[in-house]
Protein backbone atom coordinates (compact mmCIF):
# COMPACT_ATOMS: atom_id res chain seq x y z
CA MET A 1 0.00 0.00 0.00
CA LYS A 2 1.30 3.44 -0.91
CA THR A 3 1.34 6.09 1.79
CA ALA A 4 0.70 9.70 0.80
CA LEU A 5 1.30 12.62 3.12
CA ILE A 6 -0.76 15.74 2.38
CA THR A 7 -0.17 19.18 3.87
CA GLY A 8 -3.12 21.57 3.66
CA MET A 9 -5.54 18.68 4.14
CA THR A 10 -8.35 20.94 5.42
CA GLY A 11 -8.39 23.13 2.29
CA GLN A 12 -10.42 22.45 -0.83
CA ASP A 13 -7.48 20.89 -2.69
CA GLY A 14 -6.45 18.74 0.27
CA SER A 15 -9.91 17.25 0.74
CA TYR A 16 -10.38 16.47 -2.95
CA LEU A 17 -6.90 14.94 -3.16
CA ALA A 18 -7.46 12.82 -0.06
CA GLU A 19 -10.72 11.48 -1.51
CA LEU A 20 -9.01 10.67 -4.81
CA LEU A 21 -6.11 8.85 -3.15
CA LEU A 22 -8.44 6.83 -0.92
CA THR A 23 -10.26 5.52 -4.01
CA LYS A 24 -6.88 4.35 -5.30
CA GLY A 25 -6.08 2.40 -2.15
CA TYR A 26 -3.60 4.77 -0.49
CA HIS A 27 -2.98 5.15 3.21
CA VAL A 28 -3.53 8.90 3.51
CA VAL A 29 -1.83 10.94 6.22
CA GLY A 30 -2.88 14.54 6.77
CA ALA A 31 -0.07 16.71 8.12
CA VAL A 32 -1.77 19.50 10.05
CA ARG A 33 -0.74 22.22 12.47
CA ASN A 34 -3.48 21.40 14.98
CA ILE A 35 -5.21 18.02 14.97
CA GLN A 36 -8.25 19.17 16.94
CA ASN A 37 -8.90 22.08 14.61
CA ALA A 38 -8.49 19.80 11.61
CA LYS A 39 -11.06 17.37 12.99
CA GLU A 40 -13.59 20.19 13.16
CA LEU A 41 -12.97 21.15 9.52
CA LEU A 42 -12.87 17.72 7.89
CA THR A 43 -15.97 15.77 6.89
CA THR A 44 -16.95 12.75 8.94
CA ALA A 45 -16.13 10.48 6.00
CA LEU A 46 -12.60 11.82 5.72
CA MET A 47 -12.05 11.73 9.47
CA GLN A 48 -12.86 8.03 9.45
CA SER A 49 -10.54 7.30 6.53
CA VAL A 50 -7.36 9.35 7.02
CA GLU A 51 -4.72 9.59 9.72
CA LEU A 52 -3.74 12.98 11.11
CA VAL A 53 -0.31 13.95 12.37
CA GLU A 54 0.96 17.22 13.80
CA TRP A 55 3.30 19.06 11.44
CA ASN A 56 4.98 22.42 11.76
CA MET A 57 6.02 24.13 8.51
CA MET A 58 8.77 25.95 10.44
CA ASP A 59 10.22 22.86 12.17
CA GLN A 60 12.49 20.85 9.90
CA CYS A 61 13.37 18.36 12.65
CA ARG A 62 9.68 17.54 13.10
CA MET A 63 9.28 17.13 9.34
CA THR A 64 12.16 14.66 9.27
CA GLU A 65 10.67 12.69 12.18
CA VAL A 66 7.27 12.44 10.47
CA LEU A 67 8.73 11.30 7.15
CA ALA A 68 10.83 8.66 8.90
CA GLU A 69 7.88 7.41 10.99
CA TYR A 70 5.24 7.20 8.27
CA ARG A 71 7.51 6.13 5.41
CA SER A 72 5.58 8.17 2.88
CA THR A 73 5.96 7.19 -0.76
CA GLU A 74 4.41 10.46 -1.97
CA ILE A 75 4.14 13.95 -0.48
CA TYR A 76 1.76 16.65 -1.71
CA ASN A 77 2.43 20.11 -0.33
CA LEU A 78 -0.82 22.06 -0.60
CA ALA A 79 -0.33 24.22 2.48
CA ALA A 80 0.06 27.93 1.77
CA TYR A 81 -0.25 31.24 3.54
CA SER A 82 -3.11 33.21 2.01
CA SER A 83 -3.97 33.97 -1.58
CA GLY A 84 -6.73 35.98 -3.21
CA ALA A 85 -7.06 39.33 -1.48
CA GLY A 86 -4.41 38.38 1.08
CA MET A 87 -1.43 38.13 -1.26
CA PHE A 88 0.20 41.22 0.23
CA ASN A 89 -0.58 40.45 3.88
CA ASP A 90 2.47 39.77 6.05
CA ALA A 91 5.19 39.24 3.44
CA VAL A 92 7.56 37.65 5.98
CA ASP A 93 5.17 34.87 6.99
CA ILE A 94 4.22 34.32 3.35
CA GLY A 95 7.89 33.90 2.53
CA GLU A 96 8.40 31.45 5.40
CA VAL A 97 5.41 29.20 4.70
CA ASN A 98 5.09 29.41 0.92
CA GLY A 99 8.79 29.51 0.16
CA LEU A 100 11.31 28.46 2.80
CA ALA A 101 9.13 25.66 4.19
CA VAL A 102 9.34 23.89 0.83
CA ALA A 103 13.13 23.90 1.03
CA ARG A 104 12.79 22.38 4.51
CA ILE A 105 10.56 19.59 3.17
CA LEU A 106 13.00 18.87 0.33
CA ASP A 107 15.88 18.67 2.78
CA ALA A 108 13.88 16.33 5.01
CA ILE A 109 13.21 14.08 2.01
CA ARG A 110 16.92 14.07 1.19
CA ALA A 111 17.72 13.08 4.78
CA VAL A 112 15.10 10.33 5.12
CA ASN A 113 14.54 8.73 1.71
CA THR A 114 15.46 10.17 -1.69
CA ASN A 115 12.91 7.86 -3.35
CA ILE A 116 9.97 9.83 -1.91
CA ARG A 117 8.07 11.60 -4.68
CA PHE A 118 7.12 15.22 -4.00
CA CYS A 119 4.54 17.49 -5.63
CA GLN A 120 4.29 21.19 -4.87
CA ALA A 121 1.16 23.27 -5.45
CA SER A 122 2.76 26.14 -7.35
CA SER A 123 0.80 29.11 -8.66
CA SER A 124 0.11 31.13 -11.79
CA GLU A 125 0.87 34.14 -9.58
CA MET A 126 4.52 33.40 -10.36
CA PHE A 127 3.90 34.76 -13.88
CA GLY A 128 2.74 38.13 -12.51
CA ASN A 129 3.26 40.74 -15.22
CA ALA A 130 3.63 38.12 -17.91
CA LEU A 131 5.24 38.97 -21.22
CA GLU A 132 3.11 36.54 -23.22
CA SER A 133 -0.29 34.92 -23.20
CA PRO A 134 -1.16 32.11 -22.78
CA GLN A 135 1.50 31.15 -20.25
CA SER A 136 3.35 27.83 -20.47
CA GLU A 137 6.19 26.15 -18.59
CA ALA A 138 8.61 28.14 -20.77
CA THR A 139 7.11 31.56 -19.96
CA GLN A 140 9.33 33.90 -17.96
CA PHE A 141 8.26 34.37 -14.34
CA ARG A 142 7.69 37.96 -13.20
CA PRO A 143 5.86 37.85 -9.83
CA ARG A 144 4.40 41.09 -8.51
CA THR A 145 3.17 39.97 -5.08
CA PRO A 146 4.92 38.47 -2.01
CA TYR A 147 2.73 35.41 -2.56
CA GLY A 148 3.95 34.95 -6.14
CA ALA A 149 7.58 35.62 -5.18
CA ALA A 150 7.50 33.03 -2.37
CA LYS A 151 5.93 30.46 -4.67
CA LEU A 152 8.68 31.15 -7.22
CA TYR A 153 11.38 30.56 -4.60
CA ALA A 154 9.81 27.17 -3.79
CA HIS A 155 9.51 26.36 -7.49
CA SER A 156 13.18 27.19 -8.05
CA MET A 157 14.31 25.09 -5.08
CA ILE A 158 12.43 22.07 -6.43
CA GLN A 159 14.29 22.41 -9.72
CA ILE A 160 17.61 22.73 -7.87
CA TYR A 161 17.00 19.66 -5.68
CA ARG A 162 15.82 17.71 -8.72
CA GLN A 163 18.90 18.57 -10.75
CA HIS A 164 21.55 18.55 -8.00
CA TYR A 165 20.32 15.73 -5.73
CA GLY A 166 18.21 13.69 -8.14
CA LEU A 167 15.03 14.04 -6.06
CA TYR A 168 11.69 13.34 -7.69
CA GLY A 169 10.10 16.77 -7.28
CA CYS A 170 7.32 18.29 -9.38
CA SER A 171 5.70 21.71 -9.48
CA ALA A 172 2.05 21.90 -10.47
CA ILE A 173 1.69 25.47 -11.75
CA LEU A 174 -1.97 25.83 -10.88
CA PHE A 175 -4.19 28.50 -12.35
CA ASN A 176 -7.36 29.49 -10.48
CA HIS A 177 -9.35 26.44 -9.42
CA GLU A 178 -12.62 26.56 -7.53
CA SER A 179 -15.25 24.33 -5.94
CA PRO A 180 -18.06 24.38 -3.37
CA ARG A 181 -15.29 23.94 -0.79
CA ARG A 182 -13.58 27.21 -1.72
CA GLY A 183 -13.29 29.79 1.06
CA LEU A 184 -15.63 32.78 1.15
CA GLY A 185 -12.69 35.15 0.65
CA PHE A 186 -12.49 34.24 -3.03
CA VAL A 187 -14.65 36.00 -5.59
CA THR A 188 -16.18 32.82 -7.04
CA ARG A 189 -17.50 31.63 -3.70
CA LYS A 190 -18.39 35.17 -2.63
CA ILE A 191 -20.70 35.33 -5.63
CA THR A 192 -22.26 31.87 -5.38
CA HIS A 193 -22.86 32.30 -1.63
CA ALA A 194 -24.48 35.70 -2.19
CA VAL A 195 -26.73 34.26 -4.91
CA ALA A 196 -27.97 31.61 -2.48
CA MET A 197 -28.52 34.29 0.20
CA ILE A 198 -30.49 36.42 -2.26
CA LYS A 199 -32.54 33.42 -3.35
CA LEU A 200 -33.55 32.86 0.29
CA GLY A 201 -34.29 36.54 0.83
CA LEU A 202 -31.49 36.98 3.36
CA VAL A 203 -29.73 39.82 1.47
CA ASN A 204 -30.66 41.93 -1.54
CA GLU A 205 -27.38 43.04 -3.12
CA LEU A 206 -23.78 42.07 -3.79
CA CYS A 207 -20.85 44.49 -4.09
CA LEU A 208 -18.00 43.47 -6.40
CA GLY A 209 -14.96 45.01 -8.05
CA ASN A 210 -14.32 45.07 -11.78
CA LEU A 211 -16.91 42.84 -13.46
CA ASP A 212 -14.83 42.64 -16.63
CA ALA A 213 -11.78 41.12 -14.90
CA CYS A 214 -11.08 37.70 -16.41
CA ARG A 215 -9.52 34.53 -15.03
CA ASP A 216 -8.73 30.99 -16.11
CA TRP A 217 -11.03 29.15 -13.67
CA GLY A 218 -10.99 25.36 -13.42
CA PHE A 219 -12.35 22.78 -10.98
CA ALA A 220 -10.25 21.90 -7.92
CA GLY A 221 -10.99 18.19 -8.26
CA ASP A 222 -9.51 18.22 -11.77
CA SER A 223 -6.42 20.10 -10.56
CA VAL A 224 -5.53 17.57 -7.87
CA HIS A 225 -6.01 14.72 -10.34
CA ALA A 226 -3.29 16.34 -12.47
CA MET A 227 -1.01 16.46 -9.41
CA TRP A 228 -1.52 12.75 -8.78
CA LEU A 229 -0.71 11.97 -12.42
CA MET A 230 2.56 13.90 -12.09
CA LEU A 231 3.81 11.57 -9.36
CA GLN A 232 2.92 8.44 -11.37
CA HIS A 233 5.07 9.47 -14.34
CA SER A 234 8.45 7.92 -15.11
CA HIS A 235 10.31 11.15 -14.41
CA ALA A 236 9.73 14.38 -12.48
CA ASP A 237 8.88 17.62 -14.26
CA ASP A 238 6.89 20.84 -13.92
CA TYR A 239 3.47 21.33 -15.51
CA VAL A 240 0.99 24.14 -16.07
CA VAL A 241 -2.49 23.02 -14.97
CA ALA A 242 -5.22 25.20 -16.48
CA THR A 243 -8.31 25.13 -18.67
CA GLY A 244 -6.92 27.43 -21.36
CA GLU A 245 -10.15 29.45 -21.24
CA THR A 246 -10.93 32.76 -19.58
CA HIS A 247 -14.22 33.93 -18.14
CA SER A 248 -15.12 37.32 -16.72
CA VAL A 249 -16.58 38.05 -13.32
CA ARG A 250 -19.61 39.35 -15.23
CA GLU A 251 -20.07 35.99 -16.95
CA LEU A 252 -19.68 34.25 -13.61
CA CYS A 253 -22.48 36.43 -12.23
CA GLU A 254 -24.68 35.73 -15.23
CA ILE A 255 -24.35 31.97 -14.73
CA ALA A 256 -24.70 32.04 -10.94
CA PHE A 257 -27.75 34.31 -10.84
CA GLY A 258 -29.18 32.74 -13.97
CA HIS A 259 -29.16 29.36 -12.23
CA PHE A 260 -32.16 30.67 -10.26
CA ASN A 261 -33.58 32.68 -13.18
CA LEU A 262 -32.36 35.93 -11.66
CA ASP A 263 -30.80 38.88 -13.51
CA TYR A 264 -27.49 39.78 -11.87
CA ARG A 265 -27.94 43.44 -12.89
CA ASP A 266 -30.78 43.73 -10.39
CA TYR A 267 -28.49 42.82 -7.48
CA VAL A 268 -24.81 43.44 -8.26
CA ARG A 269 -23.16 46.78 -7.46
CA GLU A 270 -19.64 47.63 -8.64
CA ASP A 271 -17.40 48.92 -5.87
CA SER A 272 -14.29 50.78 -7.01
CA ALA A 273 -12.63 50.14 -3.64
CA SER A 274 -12.62 46.41 -4.41
CA TYR A 275 -10.84 46.77 -7.75
CA ARG A 276 -7.56 44.90 -8.19
CA PRO A 277 -4.91 46.03 -10.71
CA ILE A 278 -5.59 44.63 -14.17
CA GLU A 279 -2.83 42.61 -15.82
CA SER A 280 -1.39 44.13 -18.97
CA VAL A 281 -1.33 40.60 -20.42
CA GLN A 282 -4.16 38.16 -19.72
CA LEU A 283 -3.29 35.31 -17.32
CA VAL A 284 -4.46 32.12 -19.01
CA GLY A 285 -2.69 28.78 -19.00
CA ASN A 286 -1.35 26.62 -21.81
CA SER A 287 -1.69 23.08 -20.44
CA LYS A 288 -0.69 21.16 -23.58
CA LYS A 289 2.26 19.56 -21.79
CA VAL A 290 0.27 17.96 -18.97
CA LYS A 291 -2.39 16.83 -21.44
CA ASN A 292 0.05 15.34 -23.94
CA GLN A 293 2.52 13.78 -21.51
CA LEU A 294 0.20 12.66 -18.71
CA GLY A 295 -3.15 12.36 -20.48
CA TRP A 296 -4.84 14.83 -18.16
CA ILE A 297 -8.28 16.06 -19.26
CA PRO A 298 -10.44 18.50 -17.21
CA GLU A 299 -13.82 16.88 -16.59
CA VAL A 300 -15.86 19.71 -15.04
CA GLY A 301 -16.61 22.76 -17.18
CA PHE A 302 -17.00 26.34 -15.98
CA HIS A 303 -20.81 26.50 -16.21
CA GLU A 304 -21.21 23.15 -14.44
CA MET A 305 -18.81 24.18 -11.69
CA ILE A 306 -20.56 27.48 -10.93
CA SER A 307 -23.96 25.79 -10.90
CA MET A 308 -22.56 23.14 -8.54
CA MET A 309 -21.27 25.85 -6.20
CA VAL A 310 -24.58 27.74 -6.15
CA ASP A 311 -26.53 24.57 -5.35
CA ALA A 312 -24.08 23.63 -2.59
CA ASP A 313 -24.32 27.08 -0.99
CA LEU A 314 -28.11 26.96 -1.10
CA ARG A 315 -28.19 23.54 0.57
CA LYS A 316 -25.76 24.68 3.26
CA LEU A 317 -27.76 27.80 4.08
CA ILE A 318 -31.02 25.85 4.25
CA GLU A 319 -29.42 23.34 6.62
CA GLN A 320 -28.04 26.14 8.80
CA ASN A 321 -31.46 27.81 9.02
CA ARG A 322 -33.09 24.49 9.99
CA ALA A 323 -30.49 23.94 12.67
CA LYS A 324 -31.33 27.33 14.15
CA GLY A 325 -34.96 26.27 14.38
């Protein structure tokens, strides 16, 4: 039986990845900062199927102990310090967790077992002010946030450890990926949650930034499947994981509100204070490499994903209201 260790288990990516690995017969270990908090965030089904272990991203000795004890065959590092609106918050901590911690994990792997396969959740934020569109593995990185810069440091260290020490390390350069499990701080979930609230008569408007801002939005479950495929390949490499399509916030609103036959223009207000700088070149991924080399195919389309998120938010709100009596 293969043993996979996942950091960031309580996030959307971690939960989808854990479910995928369980279907493939893995022993799944969730490396978490606080086991009790993790138990409160994980579903009952996952709690009954995975093992949790305390893990400190700042403590390399503890990392080495955990790897030696659990004899992991694969490690997926999904833990990260803030993204979305928080990319500029606390640059030092972002650098520690998103950048330096990855070097610590790589060094722990080198100390314990160089056969362990490692996959890092990298980010399209590394491209920043890109010079070309779409972006591929060959596109120059030009991060413009502490988040993107820290992710680039981690990405570079993986390449160095792969080349110098022969470690099996991969970077999954993930473009935006969403799901019903996405946090409310992200615009996709902010919209789908508000639509459900409006449907139930709990609120009557939604304030957003630039409705014409576009993103390459995929489904989180598809993204983690690509990460798993990377660690099954004969050799380690880096891959862009994206849909290759862009959709605007306006289109997202049209789909989300339209799911309940509502017109978004009756409820959405543009708020200039929420505007983020617009990229001079559109961020959209070229994922030909992961498709051609690993056979990865996204299964959930944009419209289906947004509809799924709206339905999930509606169910959750109804359940919460029932619980309140």
